[in-house]
Amino acid sequence: MALKKFVERLTKPVEELDRANLRAFCEAMQTTPIVEVEPRIPARVAGEVKSVRIVPRAGADALEVVMGDGEGTLIGVFLGRRKISGISPGRRIVFEGVAVRERDRKQLEIFNPIYTLI
């Protein structure tokens, strides 16, 4: 059995192994998978920061943090912020808040989420 797992680790693509590790982390944090998050219902999601960018929204800057959990992605929008110390690509994070779906976007967004850096 151990030999079979060892051979799997050697033959599987690194991206697939990383996704599996990230999903295991999210399950251990007892959070909702991003693909199961319903709009307008409070949710707690965990994942890894994929990108961070500053976007103008209604005349003021907003920091958009794209996070993924190995199955889906979600955007945390921090209104009026240009930077948050500790949030950078590759960092594991937990967001809590109410997810919404904007008309012109496919992905769910959480505005000003409560966040925990892992």
N, C-alpha and C. Protein backbone atom coordinates (compact mmCIF):
# COMPACT_ATOMS: atom_id res chain seq x y z
N MET A 1 0.82 -1.19 0.00
CA MET A 1 0.00 0.00 0.00
C MET A 1 0.87 1.26 0.00
N ALA A 2 1.91 1.27 0.81
CA ALA A 2 2.79 2.43 0.88
C ALA A 2 3.53 2.63 -0.45
N LEU A 3 3.89 1.53 -1.10
CA LEU A 3 4.57 1.62 -2.39
C LEU A 3 3.64 2.23 -3.44
N LYS A 4 2.36 1.87 -3.38
CA LYS A 4 1.40 2.41 -4.34
C LYS A 4 1.27 3.93 -4.18
N LYS A 5 1.18 4.43 -2.95
CA LYS A 5 1.09 5.87 -2.70
C LYS A 5 2.36 6.58 -3.14
N PHE A 6 3.50 5.96 -2.92
CA PHE A 6 4.78 6.54 -3.33
C PHE A 6 4.84 6.68 -4.84
N VAL A 7 4.42 5.65 -5.55
CA VAL A 7 4.43 5.68 -7.02
C VAL A 7 3.44 6.74 -7.52
N GLU A 8 2.28 6.86 -6.87
CA GLU A 8 1.31 7.90 -7.26
C GLU A 8 1.91 9.29 -7.12
N ARG A 9 2.61 9.53 -6.02
CA ARG A 9 3.22 10.86 -5.82
C ARG A 9 4.27 11.16 -6.87
N LEU A 10 4.96 10.14 -7.34
CA LEU A 10 5.99 10.35 -8.36
C LEU A 10 5.40 10.56 -9.75
N THR A 11 4.23 9.99 -10.01
CA THR A 11 3.68 10.04 -11.36
C THR A 11 2.62 11.12 -11.56
N LYS A 12 1.97 11.59 -10.50
CA LYS A 12 0.94 12.63 -10.64
C LYS A 12 1.58 13.98 -10.89
N PRO A 13 0.90 14.84 -11.65
CA PRO A 13 1.41 16.20 -11.84
C PRO A 13 1.43 16.98 -10.52
N VAL A 14 2.38 17.87 -10.38
CA VAL A 14 2.54 18.66 -9.16
C VAL A 14 1.28 19.48 -8.87
N GLU A 15 0.66 20.04 -9.91
CA GLU A 15 -0.54 20.85 -9.71
C GLU A 15 -1.67 20.06 -9.08
N GLU A 16 -1.81 18.80 -9.50
CA GLU A 16 -2.85 17.95 -8.95
C GLU A 16 -2.57 17.62 -7.48
N LEU A 17 -1.33 17.38 -7.15
CA LEU A 17 -0.96 17.12 -5.75
C LEU A 17 -1.19 18.37 -4.89
N ASP A 18 -0.85 19.55 -5.42
CA ASP A 18 -1.07 20.80 -4.69
C ASP A 18 -2.56 21.03 -4.43
N ARG A 19 -3.41 20.76 -5.45
CA ARG A 19 -4.86 20.92 -5.26
C ARG A 19 -5.37 19.97 -4.19
N ALA A 20 -4.88 18.75 -4.20
CA ALA A 20 -5.32 17.77 -3.20
C ALA A 20 -4.90 18.20 -1.79
N ASN A 21 -3.68 18.70 -1.65
CA ASN A 21 -3.21 19.19 -0.35
C ASN A 21 -4.03 20.38 0.12
N LEU A 22 -4.38 21.28 -0.80
CA LEU A 22 -5.17 22.46 -0.45
C LEU A 22 -6.58 22.06 -0.03
N ARG A 23 -7.18 21.10 -0.74
CA ARG A 23 -8.52 20.61 -0.35
C ARG A 23 -8.48 19.97 1.04
N ALA A 24 -7.43 19.21 1.32
CA ALA A 24 -7.29 18.58 2.64
C ALA A 24 -7.15 19.64 3.73
N PHE A 25 -6.42 20.70 3.44
CA PHE A 25 -6.28 21.81 4.40
C PHE A 25 -7.64 22.45 4.67
N CYS A 26 -8.40 22.71 3.62
CA CYS A 26 -9.72 23.35 3.77
C CYS A 26 -10.68 22.46 4.56
N GLU A 27 -10.63 21.18 4.33
CA GLU A 27 -11.47 20.25 5.08
C GLU A 27 -11.07 20.23 6.55
N ALA A 28 -9.78 20.30 6.83
CA ALA A 28 -9.29 20.31 8.21
C ALA A 28 -9.72 21.59 8.94
N MET A 29 -9.88 22.68 8.20
CA MET A 29 -10.32 23.95 8.80
C MET A 29 -11.83 23.98 9.03
N GLN A 30 -12.54 22.95 8.60
CA GLN A 30 -13.99 22.83 8.76
C GLN A 30 -14.71 24.04 8.16
N THR A 31 -14.39 24.32 6.90
CA THR A 31 -15.02 25.43 6.19
C THR A 31 -15.87 24.89 5.04
N THR A 32 -16.66 25.77 4.47
CA THR A 32 -17.51 25.41 3.33
C THR A 32 -16.69 25.46 2.05
N PRO A 33 -16.75 24.44 1.20
CA PRO A 33 -16.07 24.52 -0.10
C PRO A 33 -16.65 25.69 -0.91
N ILE A 34 -15.82 26.39 -1.66
CA ILE A 34 -16.26 27.56 -2.41
C ILE A 34 -17.37 27.22 -3.39
N VAL A 35 -17.31 26.05 -4.02
CA VAL A 35 -18.34 25.68 -4.99
C VAL A 35 -19.71 25.47 -4.34
N GLU A 36 -19.76 25.29 -3.02
CA GLU A 36 -21.02 25.09 -2.31
C GLU A 36 -21.56 26.36 -1.67
N VAL A 37 -20.84 27.47 -1.80
CA VAL A 37 -21.28 28.72 -1.19
C VAL A 37 -22.48 29.27 -1.95
N GLU A 38 -23.52 29.63 -1.21
CA GLU A 38 -24.74 30.19 -1.79
C GLU A 38 -24.70 31.72 -1.65
N PRO A 39 -25.12 32.44 -2.69
CA PRO A 39 -25.18 33.90 -2.57
C PRO A 39 -26.14 34.35 -1.47
N ARG A 40 -25.77 35.44 -0.79
CA ARG A 40 -26.58 36.09 0.23
C ARG A 40 -26.79 35.26 1.48
N ILE A 41 -25.91 34.29 1.71
CA ILE A 41 -25.94 33.48 2.92
C ILE A 41 -24.55 33.55 3.55
N PRO A 42 -24.45 33.81 4.86
CA PRO A 42 -23.13 33.87 5.50
C PRO A 42 -22.34 32.57 5.29
N ALA A 43 -21.05 32.74 5.02
CA ALA A 43 -20.21 31.57 4.75
C ALA A 43 -18.83 31.78 5.36
N ARG A 44 -18.16 30.68 5.61
CA ARG A 44 -16.77 30.67 6.08
C ARG A 44 -16.01 29.76 5.13
N VAL A 45 -15.06 30.36 4.40
CA VAL A 45 -14.30 29.61 3.39
C VAL A 45 -12.80 29.76 3.66
N ALA A 46 -12.06 28.72 3.30
CA ALA A 46 -10.61 28.74 3.45
C ALA A 46 -9.98 28.44 2.11
N GLY A 47 -8.76 28.89 1.94
CA GLY A 47 -8.05 28.63 0.70
C GLY A 47 -6.71 29.33 0.66
N GLU A 48 -6.21 29.46 -0.54
CA GLU A 48 -4.90 30.06 -0.77
C GLU A 48 -5.08 31.29 -1.66
N VAL A 49 -4.37 32.36 -1.32
CA VAL A 49 -4.46 33.58 -2.11
C VAL A 49 -3.80 33.34 -3.46
N LYS A 50 -4.58 33.57 -4.52
CA LYS A 50 -4.07 33.40 -5.89
C LYS A 50 -3.51 34.70 -6.44
N SER A 51 -4.20 35.82 -6.18
CA SER A 51 -3.72 37.12 -6.66
C SER A 51 -4.28 38.23 -5.79
N VAL A 52 -3.58 39.35 -5.81
CA VAL A 52 -3.98 40.55 -5.09
C VAL A 52 -3.82 41.72 -6.05
N ARG A 53 -4.89 42.55 -6.18
CA ARG A 53 -4.78 43.69 -7.07
C ARG A 53 -5.62 44.85 -6.54
N ILE A 54 -5.25 46.05 -6.96
CA ILE A 54 -5.96 47.25 -6.58
C ILE A 54 -6.84 47.66 -7.75
N VAL A 55 -8.13 47.86 -7.48
CA VAL A 55 -9.10 48.18 -8.53
C VAL A 55 -9.90 49.41 -8.09
N PRO A 56 -10.07 50.39 -8.98
CA PRO A 56 -10.92 51.52 -8.61
C PRO A 56 -12.39 51.12 -8.62
N ARG A 57 -13.12 51.45 -7.56
CA ARG A 57 -14.55 51.16 -7.46
C ARG A 57 -15.24 52.42 -6.93
N ALA A 58 -16.12 52.97 -7.73
CA ALA A 58 -16.92 54.14 -7.33
C ALA A 58 -16.05 55.29 -6.83
N GLY A 59 -14.95 55.53 -7.51
CA GLY A 59 -14.10 56.66 -7.17
C GLY A 59 -13.08 56.40 -6.07
N ALA A 60 -13.11 55.26 -5.45
CA ALA A 60 -12.14 54.93 -4.40
C ALA A 60 -11.48 53.60 -4.73
N ASP A 61 -10.28 53.43 -4.23
CA ASP A 61 -9.58 52.17 -4.48
C ASP A 61 -10.16 51.05 -3.63
N ALA A 62 -10.06 49.84 -4.17
CA ALA A 62 -10.46 48.64 -3.45
C ALA A 62 -9.41 47.57 -3.69
N LEU A 63 -9.12 46.82 -2.68
CA LEU A 63 -8.17 45.71 -2.79
C LEU A 63 -8.96 44.44 -3.05
N GLU A 64 -8.68 43.77 -4.17
CA GLU A 64 -9.34 42.51 -4.50
C GLU A 64 -8.37 41.36 -4.28
N VAL A 65 -8.78 40.43 -3.45
CA VAL A 65 -7.97 39.25 -3.13
C VAL A 65 -8.70 38.03 -3.69
N VAL A 66 -8.09 37.39 -4.69
CA VAL A 66 -8.67 36.19 -5.28
C VAL A 66 -8.10 34.98 -4.54
N MET A 67 -9.00 34.17 -3.99
CA MET A 67 -8.56 32.97 -3.27
C MET A 67 -9.19 31.75 -3.91
N GLY A 68 -8.48 30.63 -3.82
CA GLY A 68 -8.98 29.37 -4.35
C GLY A 68 -8.80 28.27 -3.32
N ASP A 69 -9.69 27.26 -3.40
CA ASP A 69 -9.59 26.14 -2.47
C ASP A 69 -9.31 24.81 -3.18
N GLY A 70 -8.86 24.88 -4.43
CA GLY A 70 -8.58 23.68 -5.18
C GLY A 70 -9.72 23.25 -6.07
N GLU A 71 -10.92 23.76 -5.81
CA GLU A 71 -12.09 23.44 -6.63
C GLU A 71 -12.74 24.68 -7.22
N GLY A 72 -12.71 25.78 -6.51
CA GLY A 72 -13.35 27.01 -6.97
C GLY A 72 -12.57 28.23 -6.51
N THR A 73 -13.01 29.41 -6.98
CA THR A 73 -12.37 30.65 -6.57
C THR A 73 -13.42 31.63 -6.08
N LEU A 74 -12.98 32.57 -5.24
CA LEU A 74 -13.83 33.57 -4.64
C LEU A 74 -13.00 34.84 -4.49
N ILE A 75 -13.66 36.00 -4.57
CA ILE A 75 -12.96 37.27 -4.47
C ILE A 75 -13.35 37.96 -3.16
N GLY A 76 -12.36 38.32 -2.37
CA GLY A 76 -12.59 39.15 -1.19
C GLY A 76 -12.28 40.59 -1.57
N VAL A 77 -13.25 41.48 -1.40
CA VAL A 77 -13.09 42.88 -1.79
C VAL A 77 -13.02 43.73 -0.52
N PHE A 78 -11.90 44.41 -0.34
CA PHE A 78 -11.70 45.30 0.80
C PHE A 78 -11.81 46.73 0.29
N LEU A 79 -12.96 47.35 0.55
CA LEU A 79 -13.23 48.69 0.04
C LEU A 79 -12.38 49.73 0.79
N GLY A 80 -11.82 50.68 0.03
CA GLY A 80 -11.03 51.75 0.62
C GLY A 80 -9.65 51.34 1.07
N ARG A 81 -9.18 50.18 0.68
CA ARG A 81 -7.86 49.70 1.10
C ARG A 81 -6.96 49.53 -0.11
N ARG A 82 -5.70 49.84 0.05
CA ARG A 82 -4.71 49.63 -1.00
C ARG A 82 -3.77 48.47 -0.65
N LYS A 83 -3.69 48.14 0.62
CA LYS A 83 -2.78 47.09 1.05
C LYS A 83 -3.23 46.57 2.41
N ILE A 84 -3.04 45.28 2.63
CA ILE A 84 -3.24 44.67 3.94
C ILE A 84 -2.00 43.83 4.22
N SER A 85 -1.32 44.15 5.29
CA SER A 85 -0.10 43.43 5.64
C SER A 85 -0.37 41.95 5.83
N GLY A 86 0.47 41.14 5.23
CA GLY A 86 0.35 39.70 5.38
C GLY A 86 -0.41 39.01 4.27
N ILE A 87 -1.23 39.74 3.53
CA ILE A 87 -1.98 39.12 2.44
C ILE A 87 -1.15 39.22 1.17
N SER A 88 -0.69 38.08 0.70
CA SER A 88 0.12 38.02 -0.51
C SER A 88 -0.13 36.68 -1.19
N PRO A 89 0.14 36.58 -2.49
CA PRO A 89 -0.10 35.32 -3.20
C PRO A 89 0.65 34.15 -2.54
N GLY A 90 -0.06 33.02 -2.43
CA GLY A 90 0.51 31.83 -1.82
C GLY A 90 0.17 31.67 -0.36
N ARG A 91 -0.33 32.72 0.27
CA ARG A 91 -0.67 32.68 1.70
C ARG A 91 -2.01 32.00 1.90
N ARG A 92 -2.13 31.18 2.92
CA ARG A 92 -3.40 30.53 3.23
C ARG A 92 -4.22 31.45 4.13
N ILE A 93 -5.52 31.47 3.87
CA ILE A 93 -6.38 32.47 4.51
C ILE A 93 -7.79 31.91 4.68
N VAL A 94 -8.52 32.45 5.65
CA VAL A 94 -9.93 32.11 5.86
C VAL A 94 -10.73 33.41 5.77
N PHE A 95 -11.79 33.41 4.97
CA PHE A 95 -12.70 34.55 4.84
C PHE A 95 -14.04 34.18 5.47
N GLU A 96 -14.65 35.15 6.16
CA GLU A 96 -16.00 34.98 6.69
C GLU A 96 -16.82 36.18 6.27
N GLY A 97 -18.01 35.94 5.75
CA GLY A 97 -18.89 37.03 5.34
C GLY A 97 -20.02 36.52 4.48
N VAL A 98 -20.75 37.46 3.92
CA VAL A 98 -21.88 37.15 3.05
C VAL A 98 -21.44 37.28 1.60
N ALA A 99 -21.54 36.21 0.86
CA ALA A 99 -21.12 36.21 -0.54
C ALA A 99 -22.24 36.78 -1.42
N VAL A 100 -21.83 37.54 -2.43
CA VAL A 100 -22.78 38.08 -3.41
C VAL A 100 -22.22 37.83 -4.80
N ARG A 101 -23.12 37.86 -5.76
CA ARG A 101 -22.70 37.70 -7.15
C ARG A 101 -23.07 38.99 -7.88
N GLU A 102 -22.06 39.72 -8.33
CA GLU A 102 -22.30 40.95 -9.09
C GLU A 102 -22.83 40.59 -10.46
N ARG A 103 -23.59 41.48 -11.07
CA ARG A 103 -24.21 41.19 -12.36
C ARG A 103 -23.21 40.91 -13.47
N ASP A 104 -22.11 41.64 -13.48
CA ASP A 104 -21.16 41.50 -14.58
C ASP A 104 -20.03 40.51 -14.29
N ARG A 105 -20.08 39.79 -13.18
CA ARG A 105 -19.03 38.84 -12.83
C ARG A 105 -19.61 37.46 -12.59
N LYS A 106 -18.79 36.45 -12.92
CA LYS A 106 -19.21 35.07 -12.68
C LYS A 106 -18.88 34.62 -11.26
N GLN A 107 -17.80 35.15 -10.70
CA GLN A 107 -17.34 34.68 -9.40
C GLN A 107 -18.10 35.36 -8.26
N LEU A 108 -18.18 34.66 -7.16
CA LEU A 108 -18.77 35.22 -5.95
C LEU A 108 -17.78 36.19 -5.31
N GLU A 109 -18.31 37.19 -4.63
CA GLU A 109 -17.48 38.16 -3.93
C GLU A 109 -17.98 38.30 -2.50
N ILE A 110 -17.05 38.56 -1.60
CA ILE A 110 -17.39 38.89 -0.22
C ILE A 110 -16.79 40.27 0.03
N PHE A 111 -17.65 41.23 0.35
CA PHE A 111 -17.17 42.59 0.61
C PHE A 111 -16.75 42.72 2.07
N ASN A 112 -15.56 43.30 2.27
CA ASN A 112 -14.98 43.52 3.59
C ASN A 112 -15.11 42.29 4.49
N PRO A 113 -14.56 41.14 4.05
CA PRO A 113 -14.70 39.93 4.87
C PRO A 113 -13.86 39.99 6.14
N ILE A 114 -14.30 39.25 7.11
CA ILE A 114 -13.46 39.00 8.29
C ILE A 114 -12.45 37.98 7.82
N TYR A 115 -11.16 38.24 8.03
CA TYR A 115 -10.15 37.31 7.52
C TYR A 115 -9.22 36.85 8.63
N THR A 116 -8.73 35.65 8.47
CA THR A 116 -7.74 35.07 9.37
C THR A 116 -6.59 34.54 8.53
N LEU A 117 -5.40 35.01 8.81
CA LEU A 117 -4.22 34.52 8.09
C LEU A 117 -3.72 33.26 8.76
N ILE A 118 -3.43 32.25 7.97
CA ILE A 118 -2.96 30.96 8.50
C ILE A 118 -1.47 30.84 8.23
